[in-house]
Amino acid sequence: MHGRRGIAIILCSLCDNQENARRQEMKALIADLERKYPGLRGSMLTAQQNLRPSQLLDREYLEGP
């Protein structure tokens, strides 16, 4: 299976099921930070919308077509 850019996608049925998976750790971290800083989750989502291609480390965007 390949993504839009032709990069192979490796599916793992274990990742979301592992108790100590990084995904679960990140969810807990964000939930903890949200309790300390209400509105943080929304601010993080807004910040992602304001990214410019020049801020990314993707050479395709940096060098142009």
PDB file of N, CA and C in Angstrom:
ATOM      1  N   MET A   1       0.854  -1.177   0.000  1.00  0.00           N
ATOM      2  CA  MET A   1       0.000   0.000   0.000  1.00  0.00           C
ATOM      3  C   MET A   1       0.896   1.236   0.000  1.00  0.00           C
ATOM      4  N   HIS A   2       0.568   2.218  -0.820  1.00  0.00           N
ATOM      5  CA  HIS A   2       1.372   3.434  -0.931  1.00  0.00           C
ATOM      6  C   HIS A   2       0.494   4.666  -0.769  1.00  0.00           C
ATOM      7  N   GLY A   3       1.064   5.709  -0.172  1.00  0.00           N
ATOM      8  CA  GLY A   3       0.369   6.981   0.008  1.00  0.00           C
ATOM      9  C   GLY A   3       0.369   7.799  -1.269  1.00  0.00           C
ATOM     10  N   ARG A   4      -0.110   9.037  -1.185  1.00  0.00           N
ATOM     11  CA  ARG A   4      -0.221   9.913  -2.353  1.00  0.00           C
ATOM     12  C   ARG A   4       1.124  10.202  -2.998  1.00  0.00           C
ATOM     13  N   ARG A   5       2.178  10.252  -2.226  1.00  0.00           N
ATOM     14  CA  ARG A   5       3.497  10.557  -2.774  1.00  0.00           C
ATOM     15  C   ARG A   5       4.294   9.307  -3.127  1.00  0.00           C
ATOM     16  N   GLY A   6       3.638   8.161  -3.118  1.00  0.00           N
ATOM     17  CA  GLY A   6       4.301   6.928  -3.474  1.00  0.00           C
ATOM     18  C   GLY A   6       5.129   6.334  -2.356  1.00  0.00           C
ATOM     19  N   ILE A   7       4.968   6.842  -1.143  1.00  0.00           N
ATOM     20  CA  ILE A   7       5.709   6.326   0.006  1.00  0.00           C
ATOM     21  C   ILE A   7       4.945   5.142   0.583  1.00  0.00           C
ATOM     22  N   ALA A   8       5.668   4.061   0.847  1.00  0.00           N
ATOM     23  CA  ALA A   8       5.030   2.862   1.385  1.00  0.00           C
ATOM     24  C   ALA A   8       4.437   3.133   2.757  1.00  0.00           C
ATOM     25  N   ILE A   9       3.237   2.633   2.973  1.00  0.00           N
ATOM     26  CA  ILE A   9       2.568   2.750   4.257  1.00  0.00           C
ATOM     27  C   ILE A   9       2.586   1.366   4.898  1.00  0.00           C
ATOM     28  N   ILE A  10       3.158   1.283   6.078  1.00  0.00           N
ATOM     29  CA  ILE A  10       3.245   0.014   6.780  1.00  0.00           C
ATOM     30  C   ILE A  10       2.178   0.012   7.869  1.00  0.00           C
ATOM     31  N   LEU A  11       1.234  -0.887   7.734  1.00  0.00           N
ATOM     32  CA  LEU A  11       0.147  -0.969   8.696  1.00  0.00           C
ATOM     33  C   LEU A  11       0.565  -1.833   9.874  1.00  0.00           C
ATOM     34  N   CYS A  12       0.218  -1.399  11.070  1.00  0.00           N
ATOM     35  CA  CYS A  12       0.554  -2.137  12.285  1.00  0.00           C
ATOM     36  C   CYS A  12      -0.701  -2.257  13.125  1.00  0.00           C
ATOM     37  N   SER A  13      -1.163  -3.455  13.314  1.00  0.00           N
ATOM     38  CA  SER A  13      -2.386  -3.652  14.091  1.00  0.00           C
ATOM     39  C   SER A  13      -2.122  -3.578  15.587  1.00  0.00           C
ATOM     40  N   LEU A  14      -0.858  -3.533  16.000  1.00  0.00           N
ATOM     41  CA  LEU A  14      -0.529  -3.516  17.416  1.00  0.00           C
ATOM     42  C   LEU A  14      -0.415  -2.111  17.997  1.00  0.00           C
ATOM     43  N   CYS A  15      -0.034  -1.143  17.192  1.00  0.00           N
ATOM     44  CA  CYS A  15       0.316   0.189  17.698  1.00  0.00           C
ATOM     45  C   CYS A  15      -0.735   0.798  18.615  1.00  0.00           C
ATOM     46  N   ASP A  16      -1.986   0.804  18.205  1.00  0.00           N
ATOM     47  CA  ASP A  16      -3.033   1.419  19.023  1.00  0.00           C
ATOM     48  C   ASP A  16      -3.455   0.532  20.185  1.00  0.00           C
ATOM     49  N   ASN A  17      -3.064  -0.730  20.141  1.00  0.00           N
ATOM     50  CA  ASN A  17      -3.487  -1.669  21.179  1.00  0.00           C
ATOM     51  C   ASN A  17      -2.464  -1.822  22.298  1.00  0.00           C
ATOM     52  N   GLN A  18      -1.261  -1.353  22.115  1.00  0.00           N
ATOM     53  CA  GLN A  18      -0.239  -1.478  23.136  1.00  0.00           C
ATOM     54  C   GLN A  18      -0.477  -0.456  24.235  1.00  0.00           C
ATOM     55  N   GLU A  19      -0.457  -0.902  25.465  1.00  0.00           N
ATOM     56  CA  GLU A  19      -0.768  -0.029  26.593  1.00  0.00           C
ATOM     57  C   GLU A  19       0.210   1.139  26.695  1.00  0.00           C
ATOM     58  N   ASN A  20       1.469   0.916  26.388  1.00  0.00           N
ATOM     59  CA  ASN A  20       2.481   1.959  26.519  1.00  0.00           C
ATOM     60  C   ASN A  20       2.860   2.587  25.179  1.00  0.00           C
ATOM     61  N   ALA A  21       1.998   2.504  24.207  1.00  0.00           N
ATOM     62  CA  ALA A  21       2.289   3.064  22.891  1.00  0.00           C
ATOM     63  C   ALA A  21       2.473   4.581  22.989  1.00  0.00           C
ATOM     64  N   ARG A  22       3.330   5.114  22.167  1.00  0.00           N
ATOM     65  CA  ARG A  22       3.598   6.559  22.159  1.00  0.00           C
ATOM     66  C   ARG A  22       2.322   7.365  21.948  1.00  0.00           C
ATOM     67  N   ARG A  23       1.422   6.861  21.144  1.00  0.00           N
ATOM     68  CA  ARG A  23       0.175   7.576  20.874  1.00  0.00           C
ATOM     69  C   ARG A  23      -0.596   7.822  22.166  1.00  0.00           C
ATOM     70  N   GLN A  24      -0.681   6.795  23.002  1.00  0.00           N
ATOM     71  CA  GLN A  24      -1.393   6.924  24.274  1.00  0.00           C
ATOM     72  C   GLN A  24      -0.656   7.884  25.208  1.00  0.00           C
ATOM     73  N   GLU A  25       0.675   7.844  25.182  1.00  0.00           N
ATOM     74  CA  GLU A  25       1.462   8.765  26.016  1.00  0.00           C
ATOM     75  C   GLU A  25       1.209  10.206  25.590  1.00  0.00           C
ATOM     76  N   MET A  26       1.153  10.446  24.283  1.00  0.00           N
ATOM     77  CA  MET A  26       0.922  11.799  23.781  1.00  0.00           C
ATOM     78  C   MET A  26      -0.487  12.285  24.130  1.00  0.00           C
ATOM     79  N   LYS A  27      -1.475  11.391  24.021  1.00  0.00           N
ATOM     80  CA  LYS A  27      -2.842  11.763  24.402  1.00  0.00           C
ATOM     81  C   LYS A  27      -2.895  12.186  25.864  1.00  0.00           C
ATOM     82  N   ALA A  28      -2.216  11.419  26.715  1.00  0.00           N
ATOM     83  CA  ALA A  28      -2.206  11.733  28.143  1.00  0.00           C
ATOM     84  C   ALA A  28      -1.473  13.048  28.398  1.00  0.00           C
ATOM     85  N   LEU A  29      -0.362  13.274  27.710  1.00  0.00           N
ATOM     86  CA  LEU A  29       0.404  14.514  27.868  1.00  0.00           C
ATOM     87  C   LEU A  29      -0.437  15.722  27.462  1.00  0.00           C
ATOM     88  N   ILE A  30      -1.085  15.629  26.321  1.00  0.00           N
ATOM     89  CA  ILE A  30      -1.913  16.751  25.848  1.00  0.00           C
ATOM     90  C   ILE A  30      -3.086  16.980  26.797  1.00  0.00           C
ATOM     91  N   ALA A  31      -3.697  15.911  27.295  1.00  0.00           N
ATOM     92  CA  ALA A  31      -4.809  16.056  28.249  1.00  0.00           C
ATOM     93  C   ALA A  31      -4.331  16.738  29.523  1.00  0.00           C
ATOM     94  N   ASP A  32      -3.140  16.360  29.999  1.00  0.00           N
ATOM     95  CA  ASP A  32      -2.579  16.976  31.203  1.00  0.00           C
ATOM     96  C   ASP A  32      -2.300  18.465  30.970  1.00  0.00           C
ATOM     97  N   LEU A  33      -1.701  18.769  29.843  1.00  0.00           N
ATOM     98  CA  LEU A  33      -1.408  20.169  29.523  1.00  0.00           C
ATOM     99  C   LEU A  33      -2.691  20.981  29.342  1.00  0.00           C
ATOM    100  N   GLU A  34      -3.715  20.353  28.778  1.00  0.00           N
ATOM    101  CA  GLU A  34      -5.003  21.030  28.584  1.00  0.00           C
ATOM    102  C   GLU A  34      -5.628  21.385  29.928  1.00  0.00           C
ATOM    103  N   ARG A  35      -5.450  20.524  30.931  1.00  0.00           N
ATOM    104  CA  ARG A  35      -5.971  20.844  32.266  1.00  0.00           C
ATOM    105  C   ARG A  35      -5.230  22.043  32.859  1.00  0.00           C
ATOM    106  N   LYS A  36      -3.937  22.110  32.633  1.00  0.00           N
ATOM    107  CA  LYS A  36      -3.139  23.227  33.160  1.00  0.00           C
ATOM    108  C   LYS A  36      -3.345  24.506  32.361  1.00  0.00           C
ATOM    109  N   TYR A  37      -3.515  24.351  31.049  1.00  0.00           N
ATOM    110  CA  TYR A  37      -3.640  25.499  30.147  1.00  0.00           C
ATOM    111  C   TYR A  37      -4.885  25.322  29.284  1.00  0.00           C
ATOM    112  N   PRO A  38      -6.054  25.696  29.817  1.00  0.00           N
ATOM    113  CA  PRO A  38      -7.301  25.553  29.047  1.00  0.00           C
ATOM    114  C   PRO A  38      -7.198  26.241  27.683  1.00  0.00           C
ATOM    115  N   GLY A  39      -7.698  25.568  26.665  1.00  0.00           N
ATOM    116  CA  GLY A  39      -7.656  26.120  25.316  1.00  0.00           C
ATOM    117  C   GLY A  39      -6.402  25.736  24.549  1.00  0.00           C
ATOM    118  N   LEU A  40      -5.491  25.014  25.181  1.00  0.00           N
ATOM    119  CA  LEU A  40      -4.239  24.645  24.526  1.00  0.00           C
ATOM    120  C   LEU A  40      -4.468  23.830  23.256  1.00  0.00           C
ATOM    121  N   ARG A  41      -5.353  22.850  23.325  1.00  0.00           N
ATOM    122  CA  ARG A  41      -5.614  21.984  22.169  1.00  0.00           C
ATOM    123  C   ARG A  41      -6.052  22.807  20.961  1.00  0.00           C
ATOM    124  N   GLY A  42      -6.951  23.752  21.174  1.00  0.00           N
ATOM    125  CA  GLY A  42      -7.402  24.618  20.088  1.00  0.00           C
ATOM    126  C   GLY A  42      -6.276  25.482  19.546  1.00  0.00           C
ATOM    127  N   SER A  43      -5.418  25.975  20.429  1.00  0.00           N
ATOM    128  CA  SER A  43      -4.274  26.787  19.997  1.00  0.00           C
ATOM    129  C   SER A  43      -3.318  25.963  19.152  1.00  0.00           C
ATOM    130  N   MET A  44      -3.110  24.714  19.545  1.00  0.00           N
ATOM    131  CA  MET A  44      -2.219  23.844  18.777  1.00  0.00           C
ATOM    132  C   MET A  44      -2.779  23.585  17.379  1.00  0.00           C
ATOM    133  N   LEU A  45      -4.082  23.345  17.295  1.00  0.00           N
ATOM    134  CA  LEU A  45      -4.702  23.112  15.992  1.00  0.00           C
ATOM    135  C   LEU A  45      -4.643  24.355  15.120  1.00  0.00           C
ATOM    136  N   THR A  46      -4.876  25.517  15.707  1.00  0.00           N
ATOM    137  CA  THR A  46      -4.795  26.776  14.961  1.00  0.00           C
ATOM    138  C   THR A  46      -3.377  27.011  14.460  1.00  0.00           C
ATOM    139  N   ALA A  47      -2.394  26.721  15.291  1.00  0.00           N
ATOM    140  CA  ALA A  47      -0.992  26.911  14.896  1.00  0.00           C
ATOM    141  C   ALA A  47      -0.647  26.041  13.697  1.00  0.00           C
ATOM    142  N   GLN A  48      -1.204  24.849  13.618  1.00  0.00           N
ATOM    143  CA  GLN A  48      -0.923  23.972  12.482  1.00  0.00           C
ATOM    144  C   GLN A  48      -1.527  24.516  11.198  1.00  0.00           C
ATOM    145  N   GLN A  49      -2.606  25.257  11.291  1.00  0.00           N
ATOM    146  CA  GLN A  49      -3.240  25.831  10.107  1.00  0.00           C
ATOM    147  C   GLN A  49      -2.439  27.003   9.563  1.00  0.00           C
ATOM    148  N   ASN A  50      -1.616  27.622  10.396  1.00  0.00           N
ATOM    149  CA  ASN A  50      -0.870  28.799   9.984  1.00  0.00           C
ATOM    150  C   ASN A  50       0.526  28.491   9.459  1.00  0.00           C
ATOM    151  N   LEU A  51       0.826  27.224   9.227  1.00  0.00           N
ATOM    152  CA  LEU A  51       2.149  26.858   8.710  1.00  0.00           C
ATOM    153  C   LEU A  51       2.304  27.302   7.259  1.00  0.00           C
ATOM    154  N   ARG A  52       3.493  27.727   6.935  1.00  0.00           N
ATOM    155  CA  ARG A  52       3.839  28.047   5.554  1.00  0.00           C
ATOM    156  C   ARG A  52       4.798  26.972   5.048  1.00  0.00           C
ATOM    157  N   PRO A  53       4.722  26.592   3.776  1.00  0.00           N
ATOM    158  CA  PRO A  53       5.629  25.561   3.260  1.00  0.00           C
ATOM    159  C   PRO A  53       7.099  25.855   3.538  1.00  0.00           C
ATOM    160  N   SER A  54       7.487  27.116   3.593  1.00  0.00           N
ATOM    161  CA  SER A  54       8.889  27.457   3.841  1.00  0.00           C
ATOM    162  C   SER A  54       9.324  27.074   5.263  1.00  0.00           C
ATOM    163  N   GLN A  55       8.356  26.820   6.148  1.00  0.00           N
ATOM    164  CA  GLN A  55       8.676  26.445   7.515  1.00  0.00           C
ATOM    165  C   GLN A  55       8.865  24.939   7.669  1.00  0.00           C
ATOM    166  N   LEU A  56       8.574  24.186   6.619  1.00  0.00           N
ATOM    167  CA  LEU A  56       8.686  22.739   6.667  1.00  0.00           C
ATOM    168  C   LEU A  56      10.057  22.292   6.190  1.00  0.00           C
ATOM    169  N   LEU A  57      10.455  21.107   6.584  1.00  0.00           N
ATOM    170  CA  LEU A  57      11.751  20.580   6.169  1.00  0.00           C
ATOM    171  C   LEU A  57      11.634  19.686   4.939  1.00  0.00           C
ATOM    172  N   ASP A  58      10.572  19.856   4.176  1.00  0.00           N
ATOM    173  CA  ASP A  58      10.361  19.067   2.960  1.00  0.00           C
ATOM    174  C   ASP A  58      11.064  19.778   1.806  1.00  0.00           C
ATOM    175  N   ARG A  59      12.107  19.168   1.272  1.00  0.00           N
ATOM    176  CA  ARG A  59      12.896  19.803   0.208  1.00  0.00           C
ATOM    177  C   ARG A  59      12.063  20.127  -1.028  1.00  0.00           C
ATOM    178  N   GLU A  60      11.020  19.338  -1.306  1.00  0.00           N
ATOM    179  CA  GLU A  60      10.163  19.606  -2.463  1.00  0.00           C
ATOM    180  C   GLU A  60       9.526  20.995  -2.348  1.00  0.00           C
ATOM    181  N   TYR A  61       9.118  21.376  -1.140  1.00  0.00           N
ATOM    182  CA  TYR A  61       8.519  22.679  -0.927  1.00  0.00           C
ATOM    183  C   TYR A  61       9.589  23.772  -0.897  1.00  0.00           C
ATOM    184  N   LEU A  62      10.745  23.459  -0.367  1.00  0.00           N
ATOM    185  CA  LEU A  62      11.802  24.455  -0.259  1.00  0.00           C
ATOM    186  C   LEU A  62      12.416  24.805  -1.619  1.00  0.00           C
ATOM    187  N   GLU A  63      12.548  23.786  -2.489  1.00  0.00           N
ATOM    188  CA  GLU A  63      13.200  23.992  -3.776  1.00  0.00           C
ATOM    189  C   GLU A  63      12.230  24.325  -4.888  1.00  0.00           C
ATOM    190  N   GLY A  64      10.947  24.041  -4.684  1.00  0.00           N
ATOM    191  CA  GLY A  64       9.965  24.324  -5.711  1.00  0.00           C
ATOM    192  C   GLY A  64       9.912  23.229  -6.763  1.00  0.00           C
ATOM    193  N   PRO A  65       8.987  23.364  -7.723  1.00  0.00           N
ATOM    194  CA  PRO A  65       8.801  22.312  -8.756  1.00  0.00           C
ATOM    195  C   PRO A  65       9.945  22.266  -9.743  1.00  0.00           C
TER     196      PRO A  65
END
